[in-house]
PDB file of N, CA and C in Angstrom:
ATOM      1  N   UNK A   1      14.222  14.042   0.707  1.00  0.00           N
ATOM      2  CA  UNK A   1      15.617  13.780   0.453  1.00  0.00           C
ATOM      3  C   UNK A   1      15.823  12.277   0.302  1.00  0.00           C
ATOM      4  N   UNK A   2      16.440  11.866  -0.753  1.00  0.00           N
ATOM      5  CA  UNK A   2      16.708  10.458  -0.995  1.00  0.00           C
ATOM      6  C   UNK A   2      18.068  10.104  -0.404  1.00  0.00           C
ATOM      7  N   UNK A   3      18.070   9.105   0.449  1.00  0.00           N
ATOM      8  CA  UNK A   3      19.299   8.670   1.116  1.00  0.00           C
ATOM      9  C   UNK A   3      20.002   7.611   0.274  1.00  0.00           C
ATOM     10  N   UNK A   4      21.296   7.569   0.383  1.00  0.00           N
ATOM     11  CA  UNK A   4      22.055   6.519  -0.293  1.00  0.00           C
ATOM     12  C   UNK A   4      21.808   5.200   0.428  1.00  0.00           C
ATOM     13  N   UNK A   5      22.146   4.104  -0.216  1.00  0.00           N
ATOM     14  CA  UNK A   5      21.998   2.792   0.401  1.00  0.00           C
ATOM     15  C   UNK A   5      22.852   2.712   1.665  1.00  0.00           C
ATOM     16  N   UNK A   6      24.044   3.266   1.608  1.00  0.00           N
ATOM     17  CA  UNK A   6      24.919   3.253   2.787  1.00  0.00           C
ATOM     18  C   UNK A   6      24.278   4.012   3.948  1.00  0.00           C
ATOM     19  N   UNK A   7      23.650   5.149   3.662  1.00  0.00           N
ATOM     20  CA  UNK A   7      22.985   5.922   4.710  1.00  0.00           C
ATOM     21  C   UNK A   7      21.779   5.168   5.266  1.00  0.00           C
ATOM     22  N   UNK A   8      21.045   4.533   4.384  1.00  0.00           N
ATOM     23  CA  UNK A   8      19.895   3.737   4.832  1.00  0.00           C
ATOM     24  C   UNK A   8      20.354   2.578   5.706  1.00  0.00           C
ATOM     25  N   UNK A   9      21.434   1.911   5.291  1.00  0.00           N
ATOM     26  CA  UNK A   9      21.981   0.797   6.059  1.00  0.00           C
ATOM     27  C   UNK A   9      22.439   1.276   7.433  1.00  0.00           C
ATOM     28  N   UNK A  10      23.103   2.389   7.465  1.00  0.00           N
ATOM     29  CA  UNK A  10      23.566   2.950   8.739  1.00  0.00           C
ATOM     30  C   UNK A  10      22.385   3.259   9.652  1.00  0.00           C
ATOM     31  N   UNK A  11      21.340   3.825   9.101  1.00  0.00           N
ATOM     32  CA  UNK A  11      20.147   4.150   9.885  1.00  0.00           C
ATOM     33  C   UNK A  11      19.525   2.884  10.467  1.00  0.00           C
ATOM     34  N   UNK A  12      19.366   1.863   9.637  1.00  0.00           N
ATOM     35  CA  UNK A  12      18.734   0.620  10.092  1.00  0.00           C
ATOM     36  C   UNK A  12      19.588  -0.071  11.157  1.00  0.00           C
ATOM     37  N   UNK A  13      20.884  -0.147  10.923  1.00  0.00           N
ATOM     38  CA  UNK A  13      21.749  -0.806  11.917  1.00  0.00           C
ATOM     39  C   UNK A  13      21.709  -0.062  13.250  1.00  0.00           C
ATOM     40  N   UNK A  14      21.673   1.246  13.192  1.00  0.00           N
ATOM     41  CA  UNK A  14      21.615   2.044  14.420  1.00  0.00           C
ATOM     42  C   UNK A  14      20.279   1.848  15.126  1.00  0.00           C
ATOM     43  N   UNK A  15      19.187   1.941  14.391  1.00  0.00           N
ATOM     44  CA  UNK A  15      17.855   1.826  14.991  1.00  0.00           C
ATOM     45  C   UNK A  15      17.597   0.439  15.555  1.00  0.00           C
ATOM     46  N   UNK A  16      18.055  -0.599  14.849  1.00  0.00           N
ATOM     47  CA  UNK A  16      17.807  -1.969  15.298  1.00  0.00           C
ATOM     48  C   UNK A  16      18.898  -2.501  16.213  1.00  0.00           C
ATOM     49  N   UNK A  17      20.022  -1.802  16.258  1.00  0.00           N
ATOM     50  CA  UNK A  17      21.120  -2.266  17.089  1.00  0.00           C
ATOM     51  C   UNK A  17      21.723  -3.567  16.591  1.00  0.00           C
ATOM     52  N   UNK A  18      21.751  -3.723  15.282  1.00  0.00           N
ATOM     53  CA  UNK A  18      22.267  -4.950  14.671  1.00  0.00           C
ATOM     54  C   UNK A  18      23.540  -4.664  13.893  1.00  0.00           C
ATOM     55  N   UNK A  19      24.303  -5.709  13.671  1.00  0.00           N
ATOM     56  CA  UNK A  19      25.504  -5.592  12.851  1.00  0.00           C
ATOM     57  C   UNK A  19      25.095  -5.447  11.383  1.00  0.00           C
ATOM     58  N   UNK A  20      25.948  -4.771  10.608  1.00  0.00           N
ATOM     59  CA  UNK A  20      25.666  -4.588   9.181  1.00  0.00           C
ATOM     60  C   UNK A  20      25.430  -5.913   8.474  1.00  0.00           C
ATOM     61  N   UNK A  21      26.234  -6.902   8.794  1.00  0.00           N
ATOM     62  CA  UNK A  21      26.101  -8.206   8.133  1.00  0.00           C
ATOM     63  C   UNK A  21      24.721  -8.816   8.370  1.00  0.00           C
ATOM     64  N   UNK A  22      24.200  -8.673   9.574  1.00  0.00           N
ATOM     65  CA  UNK A  22      22.880  -9.223   9.876  1.00  0.00           C
ATOM     66  C   UNK A  22      21.790  -8.459   9.135  1.00  0.00           C
ATOM     67  N   UNK A  23      21.909  -7.143   9.085  1.00  0.00           N
ATOM     68  CA  UNK A  23      20.923  -6.330   8.366  1.00  0.00           C
ATOM     69  C   UNK A  23      20.967  -6.663   6.873  1.00  0.00           C
ATOM     70  N   UNK A  24      22.167  -6.799   6.330  1.00  0.00           N
ATOM     71  CA  UNK A  24      22.297  -7.147   4.912  1.00  0.00           C
ATOM     72  C   UNK A  24      21.720  -8.525   4.623  1.00  0.00           C
ATOM     73  N   UNK A  25      21.944  -9.473   5.510  1.00  0.00           N
ATOM     74  CA  UNK A  25      21.391 -10.818   5.330  1.00  0.00           C
ATOM     75  C   UNK A  25      19.862 -10.782   5.353  1.00  0.00           C
ATOM     76  N   UNK A  26      19.301 -10.020   6.294  1.00  0.00           N
ATOM     77  CA  UNK A  26      17.844  -9.885   6.368  1.00  0.00           C
ATOM     78  C   UNK A  26      17.294  -9.179   5.140  1.00  0.00           C
ATOM     79  N   UNK A  27      18.000  -8.168   4.673  1.00  0.00           N
ATOM     80  CA  UNK A  27      17.562  -7.430   3.485  1.00  0.00           C
ATOM     81  C   UNK A  27      17.592  -8.328   2.252  1.00  0.00           C
ATOM     82  N   UNK A  28      18.621  -9.128   2.133  1.00  0.00           N
ATOM     83  CA  UNK A  28      18.722 -10.049   1.004  1.00  0.00           C
ATOM     84  C   UNK A  28      17.593 -11.064   1.039  1.00  0.00           C
ATOM     85  N   UNK A  29      17.330 -11.618   2.207  1.00  0.00           N
ATOM     86  CA  UNK A  29      16.260 -12.591   2.352  1.00  0.00           C
ATOM     87  C   UNK A  29      14.901 -11.966   2.021  1.00  0.00           C
ATOM     88  N   UNK A  30      14.653 -10.765   2.527  1.00  0.00           N
ATOM     89  CA  UNK A  30      13.383 -10.089   2.264  1.00  0.00           C
ATOM     90  C   UNK A  30      13.249  -9.748   0.780  1.00  0.00           C
ATOM     91  N   UNK A  31      14.329  -9.269   0.182  1.00  0.00           N
ATOM     92  CA  UNK A  31      14.302  -8.905  -1.233  1.00  0.00           C
ATOM     93  C   UNK A  31      14.076 -10.100  -2.132  1.00  0.00           C
ATOM     94  N   UNK A  32      14.760 -11.195  -1.853  1.00  0.00           N
ATOM     95  CA  UNK A  32      14.566 -12.410  -2.645  1.00  0.00           C
ATOM     96  C   UNK A  32      13.139 -12.909  -2.476  1.00  0.00           C
ATOM     97  N   UNK A  33      12.611 -12.818  -1.260  1.00  0.00           N
ATOM     98  CA  UNK A  33      11.223 -13.228  -1.010  1.00  0.00           C
ATOM     99  C   UNK A  33      10.238 -12.426  -1.846  1.00  0.00           C
ATOM    100  N   UNK A  34      10.451 -11.117  -1.924  1.00  0.00           N
ATOM    101  CA  UNK A  34       9.569 -10.265  -2.731  1.00  0.00           C
ATOM    102  C   UNK A  34       9.690 -10.585  -4.216  1.00  0.00           C
ATOM    103  N   UNK A  35      10.920 -10.754  -4.675  1.00  0.00           N
ATOM    104  CA  UNK A  35      11.125 -11.092  -6.084  1.00  0.00           C
ATOM    105  C   UNK A  35      10.522 -12.449  -6.424  1.00  0.00           C
ATOM    106  N   UNK A  36      10.636 -13.403  -5.504  1.00  0.00           N
ATOM    107  CA  UNK A  36      10.055 -14.729  -5.704  1.00  0.00           C
ATOM    108  C   UNK A  36       8.535 -14.631  -5.817  1.00  0.00           C
ATOM    109  N   UNK A  37       7.916 -13.879  -4.903  1.00  0.00           N
ATOM    110  CA  UNK A  37       6.463 -13.716  -4.939  1.00  0.00           C
ATOM    111  C   UNK A  37       6.027 -13.037  -6.230  1.00  0.00           C
ATOM    112  N   UNK A  38       6.732 -11.991  -6.641  1.00  0.00           N
ATOM    113  CA  UNK A  38       6.404 -11.308  -7.896  1.00  0.00           C
ATOM    114  C   UNK A  38       6.501 -12.266  -9.079  1.00  0.00           C
ATOM    115  N   UNK A  39       7.516 -13.114  -9.083  1.00  0.00           N
ATOM    116  CA  UNK A  39       7.700 -14.072 -10.171  1.00  0.00           C
ATOM    117  C   UNK A  39       6.605 -15.119 -10.180  1.00  0.00           C
ATOM    118  N   UNK A  40       6.185 -15.557  -9.002  1.00  0.00           N
ATOM    119  CA  UNK A  40       5.076 -16.503  -8.908  1.00  0.00           C
ATOM    120  C   UNK A  40       3.796 -15.886  -9.477  1.00  0.00           C
ATOM    121  N   UNK A  41       3.506 -14.669  -9.071  1.00  0.00           N
ATOM    122  CA  UNK A  41       2.289 -13.991  -9.525  1.00  0.00           C
ATOM    123  C   UNK A  41       2.336 -13.772 -11.031  1.00  0.00           C
ATOM    124  N   UNK A  42       3.474 -13.354 -11.528  1.00  0.00           N
ATOM    125  CA  UNK A  42       3.643 -13.152 -12.967  1.00  0.00           C
ATOM    126  C   UNK A  42       3.400 -14.460 -13.726  1.00  0.00           C
ATOM    127  N   UNK A  43       3.935 -15.557 -13.203  1.00  0.00           N
ATOM    128  CA  UNK A  43       3.737 -16.864 -13.836  1.00  0.00           C
ATOM    129  C   UNK A  43       2.270 -17.262 -13.815  1.00  0.00           C
ATOM    130  N   UNK A  44       1.585 -16.997 -12.723  1.00  0.00           N
ATOM    131  CA  UNK A  44       0.158 -17.300 -12.608  1.00  0.00           C
ATOM    132  C   UNK A  44      -0.660 -16.481 -13.593  1.00  0.00           C
ATOM    133  N   UNK A  45      -0.408 -15.178 -13.631  1.00  0.00           N
ATOM    134  CA  UNK A  45      -1.190 -14.305 -14.505  1.00  0.00           C
ATOM    135  C   UNK A  45      -0.931 -14.567 -15.988  1.00  0.00           C
ATOM    136  N   UNK A  46       0.251 -15.087 -16.305  1.00  0.00           N
ATOM    137  CA  UNK A  46       0.547 -15.403 -17.712  1.00  0.00           C
ATOM    138  C   UNK A  46       0.102 -16.807 -18.088  1.00  0.00           C
ATOM    139  N   UNK A  47      -0.438 -17.545 -17.131  1.00  0.00           N
ATOM    140  CA  UNK A  47      -0.958 -18.880 -17.408  1.00  0.00           C
ATOM    141  C   UNK A  47       0.059 -19.996 -17.272  1.00  0.00           C
ATOM    142  N   UNK A  48       1.241 -19.682 -16.793  1.00  0.00           N
ATOM    143  CA  UNK A  48       2.284 -20.696 -16.638  1.00  0.00           C
ATOM    144  C   UNK A  48       2.205 -21.443 -15.304  1.00  0.00           C
ATOM    145  N   UNK A  49       1.380 -20.960 -14.400  1.00  0.00           N
ATOM    146  CA  UNK A  49       1.249 -21.565 -13.079  1.00  0.00           C
ATOM    147  C   UNK A  49      -0.234 -21.676 -12.752  1.00  0.00           C
ATOM    148  N   UNK A  50      -0.660 -22.831 -12.301  1.00  0.00           N
ATOM    149  CA  UNK A  50      -2.065 -23.035 -11.947  1.00  0.00           C
ATOM    150  C   UNK A  50      -2.401 -22.327 -10.639  1.00  0.00           C
ATOM    151  N   UNK A  51      -3.674 -21.986 -10.484  1.00  0.00           N
ATOM    152  CA  UNK A  51      -4.131 -21.315  -9.271  1.00  0.00           C
ATOM    153  C   UNK A  51      -3.798 -22.158  -8.039  1.00  0.00           C
ATOM    154  N   UNK A  52      -4.045 -23.454  -8.122  1.00  0.00           N
ATOM    155  CA  UNK A  52      -3.774 -24.341  -6.987  1.00  0.00           C
ATOM    156  C   UNK A  52      -2.293 -24.314  -6.609  1.00  0.00           C
ATOM    157  N   UNK A  53      -1.440 -24.210  -7.601  1.00  0.00           N
ATOM    158  CA  UNK A  53      -0.009 -24.133  -7.319  1.00  0.00           C
ATOM    159  C   UNK A  53       0.338 -22.826  -6.610  1.00  0.00           C
ATOM    160  N   UNK A  54      -0.297 -21.738  -7.046  1.00  0.00           N
ATOM    161  CA  UNK A  54      -0.042 -20.452  -6.410  1.00  0.00           C
ATOM    162  C   UNK A  54      -0.549 -20.449  -4.974  1.00  0.00           C
ATOM    163  N   UNK A  55      -1.708 -21.060  -4.742  1.00  0.00           N
ATOM    164  CA  UNK A  55      -2.264 -21.145  -3.393  1.00  0.00           C
ATOM    165  C   UNK A  55      -1.310 -21.913  -2.479  1.00  0.00           C
ATOM    166  N   UNK A  56      -0.635 -22.925  -3.014  1.00  0.00           N
ATOM    167  CA  UNK A  56       0.332 -23.673  -2.205  1.00  0.00           C
ATOM    168  C   UNK A  56       1.512 -22.797  -1.802  1.00  0.00           C
ATOM    169  N   UNK A  57       1.899 -21.883  -2.673  1.00  0.00           N
ATOM    170  CA  UNK A  57       3.045 -21.005  -2.406  1.00  0.00           C
ATOM    171  C   UNK A  57       2.664 -19.809  -1.540  1.00  0.00           C
ATOM    172  N   UNK A  58       1.529 -19.217  -1.844  1.00  0.00           N
ATOM    173  CA  UNK A  58       1.019 -18.081  -1.070  1.00  0.00           C
ATOM    174  C   UNK A  58      -0.159 -18.619  -0.273  1.00  0.00           C
ATOM    175  N   UNK A  59      -1.005 -17.789   0.247  1.00  0.00           N
ATOM    176  CA  UNK A  59      -2.221 -18.311   0.870  1.00  0.00           C
ATOM    177  C   UNK A  59      -3.422 -17.978  -0.003  1.00  0.00           C
ATOM    178  N   UNK A  60      -4.523 -18.668   0.234  1.00  0.00           N
ATOM    179  CA  UNK A  60      -5.713 -18.519  -0.601  1.00  0.00           C
ATOM    180  C   UNK A  60      -6.238 -17.086  -0.599  1.00  0.00           C
ATOM    181  N   UNK A  61      -6.168 -16.415   0.533  1.00  0.00           N
ATOM    182  CA  UNK A  61      -6.652 -15.033   0.612  1.00  0.00           C
ATOM    183  C   UNK A  61      -5.838 -14.120  -0.300  1.00  0.00           C
ATOM    184  N   UNK A  62      -4.542 -14.321  -0.350  1.00  0.00           N
ATOM    185  CA  UNK A  62      -3.668 -13.504  -1.219  1.00  0.00           C
ATOM    186  C   UNK A  62      -3.995 -13.777  -2.684  1.00  0.00           C
ATOM    187  N   UNK A  63      -4.237 -15.037  -3.031  1.00  0.00           N
ATOM    188  CA  UNK A  63      -4.578 -15.379  -4.412  1.00  0.00           C
ATOM    189  C   UNK A  63      -5.949 -14.809  -4.766  1.00  0.00           C
ATOM    190  N   UNK A  64      -6.897 -14.836  -3.838  1.00  0.00           N
ATOM    191  CA  UNK A  64      -8.204 -14.213  -4.067  1.00  0.00           C
ATOM    192  C   UNK A  64      -8.039 -12.728  -4.366  1.00  0.00           C
ATOM    193  N   UNK A  65      -7.160 -12.076  -3.624  1.00  0.00           N
ATOM    194  CA  UNK A  65      -6.889 -10.650  -3.832  1.00  0.00           C
ATOM    195  C   UNK A  65      -6.297 -10.406  -5.227  1.00  0.00           C
ATOM    196  N   UNK A  66      -5.379 -11.253  -5.632  1.00  0.00           N
ATOM    197  CA  UNK A  66      -4.764 -11.144  -6.964  1.00  0.00           C
ATOM    198  C   UNK A  66      -5.825 -11.328  -8.040  1.00  0.00           C
ATOM    199  N   UNK A  67      -6.689 -12.325  -7.865  1.00  0.00           N
ATOM    200  CA  UNK A  67      -7.771 -12.562  -8.823  1.00  0.00           C
ATOM    201  C   UNK A  67      -8.710 -11.361  -8.913  1.00  0.00           C
ATOM    202  N   UNK A  68      -9.044 -10.785  -7.769  1.00  0.00           N
ATOM    203  CA  UNK A  68      -9.944  -9.625  -7.748  1.00  0.00           C
ATOM    204  C   UNK A  68      -9.313  -8.439  -8.471  1.00  0.00           C
ATOM    205  N   UNK A  69      -8.029  -8.231  -8.260  1.00  0.00           N
ATOM    206  CA  UNK A  69      -7.341  -7.135  -8.940  1.00  0.00           C
ATOM    207  C   UNK A  69      -7.301  -7.366 -10.450  1.00  0.00           C
ATOM    208  N   UNK A  70      -7.014  -8.600 -10.854  1.00  0.00           N
ATOM    209  CA  UNK A  70      -6.990  -8.922 -12.284  1.00  0.00           C
ATOM    210  C   UNK A  70      -8.373  -8.715 -12.899  1.00  0.00           C
ATOM    211  N   UNK A  71      -9.413  -9.179 -12.202  1.00  0.00           N
ATOM    212  CA  UNK A  71     -10.776  -9.039 -12.704  1.00  0.00           C
ATOM    213  C   UNK A  71     -11.170  -7.567 -12.840  1.00  0.00           C
ATOM    214  N   UNK A  72     -10.765  -6.740 -11.898  1.00  0.00           N
ATOM    215  CA  UNK A  72     -11.069  -5.305 -11.966  1.00  0.00           C
ATOM    216  C   UNK A  72     -10.388  -4.670 -13.175  1.00  0.00           C
ATOM    217  N   UNK A  73      -9.153  -5.050 -13.425  1.00  0.00           N
ATOM    218  CA  UNK A  73      -8.437  -4.519 -14.598  1.00  0.00           C
ATOM    219  C   UNK A  73      -9.112  -4.985 -15.886  1.00  0.00           C
ATOM    220  N   UNK A  74      -9.499  -6.265 -15.919  1.00  0.00           N
ATOM    221  CA  UNK A  74     -10.192  -6.785 -17.100  1.00  0.00           C
ATOM    222  C   UNK A  74     -11.498  -6.033 -17.359  1.00  0.00           C
ATOM    223  N   UNK A  75     -12.246  -5.742 -16.292  1.00  0.00           N
ATOM    224  CA  UNK A  75     -13.498  -4.984 -16.442  1.00  0.00           C
ATOM    225  C   UNK A  75     -13.219  -3.575 -16.954  1.00  0.00           C
ATOM    226  N   UNK A  76     -12.166  -2.951 -16.450  1.00  0.00           N
ATOM    227  CA  UNK A  76     -11.814  -1.607 -16.907  1.00  0.00           C
ATOM    228  C   UNK A  76     -11.475  -1.606 -18.397  1.00  0.00           C
ATOM    229  N   UNK A  77     -10.703  -2.577 -18.823  1.00  0.00           N
ATOM    230  CA  UNK A  77     -10.346  -2.664 -20.241  1.00  0.00           C
ATOM    231  C   UNK A  77     -11.582  -2.928 -21.099  1.00  0.00           C
ATOM    232  N   UNK A  78     -12.471  -3.793 -20.626  1.00  0.00           N
ATOM    233  CA  UNK A  78     -13.697  -4.077 -21.367  1.00  0.00           C
ATOM    234  C   UNK A  78     -14.573  -2.828 -21.470  1.00  0.00           C
ATOM    235  N   UNK A  79     -14.663  -2.074 -20.376  1.00  0.00           N
ATOM    236  CA  UNK A  79     -15.448  -0.847 -20.371  1.00  0.00           C
ATOM    237  C   UNK A  79     -14.847   0.153 -21.368  1.00  0.00           C
ATOM    238  N   UNK A  80     -13.545   0.287 -21.357  1.00  0.00           N
ATOM    239  CA  UNK A  80     -12.875   1.223 -22.260  1.00  0.00           C
ATOM    240  C   UNK A  80     -13.072   0.813 -23.713  1.00  0.00           C
ATOM    241  N   UNK A  81     -13.031  -0.468 -23.988  1.00  0.00           N
ATOM    242  CA  UNK A  81     -13.210  -0.953 -25.364  1.00  0.00           C
ATOM    243  C   UNK A  81     -14.646  -0.709 -25.840  1.00  0.00           C
ATOM    244  N   UNK A  82     -15.611  -0.842 -24.954  1.00  0.00           N
ATOM    245  CA  UNK A  82     -17.010  -0.636 -25.311  1.00  0.00           C
ATOM    246  C   UNK A  82     -17.328   0.826 -25.546  1.00  0.00           C
ATOM    247  N   UNK A  83     -16.622   1.717 -24.897  1.00  0.00           N
ATOM    248  CA  UNK A  83     -16.939   3.137 -24.993  1.00  0.00           C
ATOM    249  C   UNK A  83     -16.302   3.824 -26.198  1.00  0.00           C
ATOM    250  N   UNK A  84     -15.622   3.073 -27.013  1.00  0.00           N
ATOM    251  CA  UNK A  84     -14.988   3.665 -28.203  1.00  0.00           C
ATOM    252  C   UNK A  84     -15.989   3.923 -29.272  1.00  0.00           C
TER     253      UNK A  84
END
């Protein structure tokens, strides 16, 4: 069952014992943080941001993980192109 945003907010405020305004502020901060990270990664993968710049924003382990995922996708595409 998919809950409405209002129902989800009510659940979180009840479980955490926080005011709606505080939960909304935390949700906004978390959401902006995720969108910011996604935008950084997108900029890095498109070549608009250097690896060193991304490491400054995230940590080196996270960037290593991103590189490994990109490399795996590149290998998959290369394998698919060769098998045609």
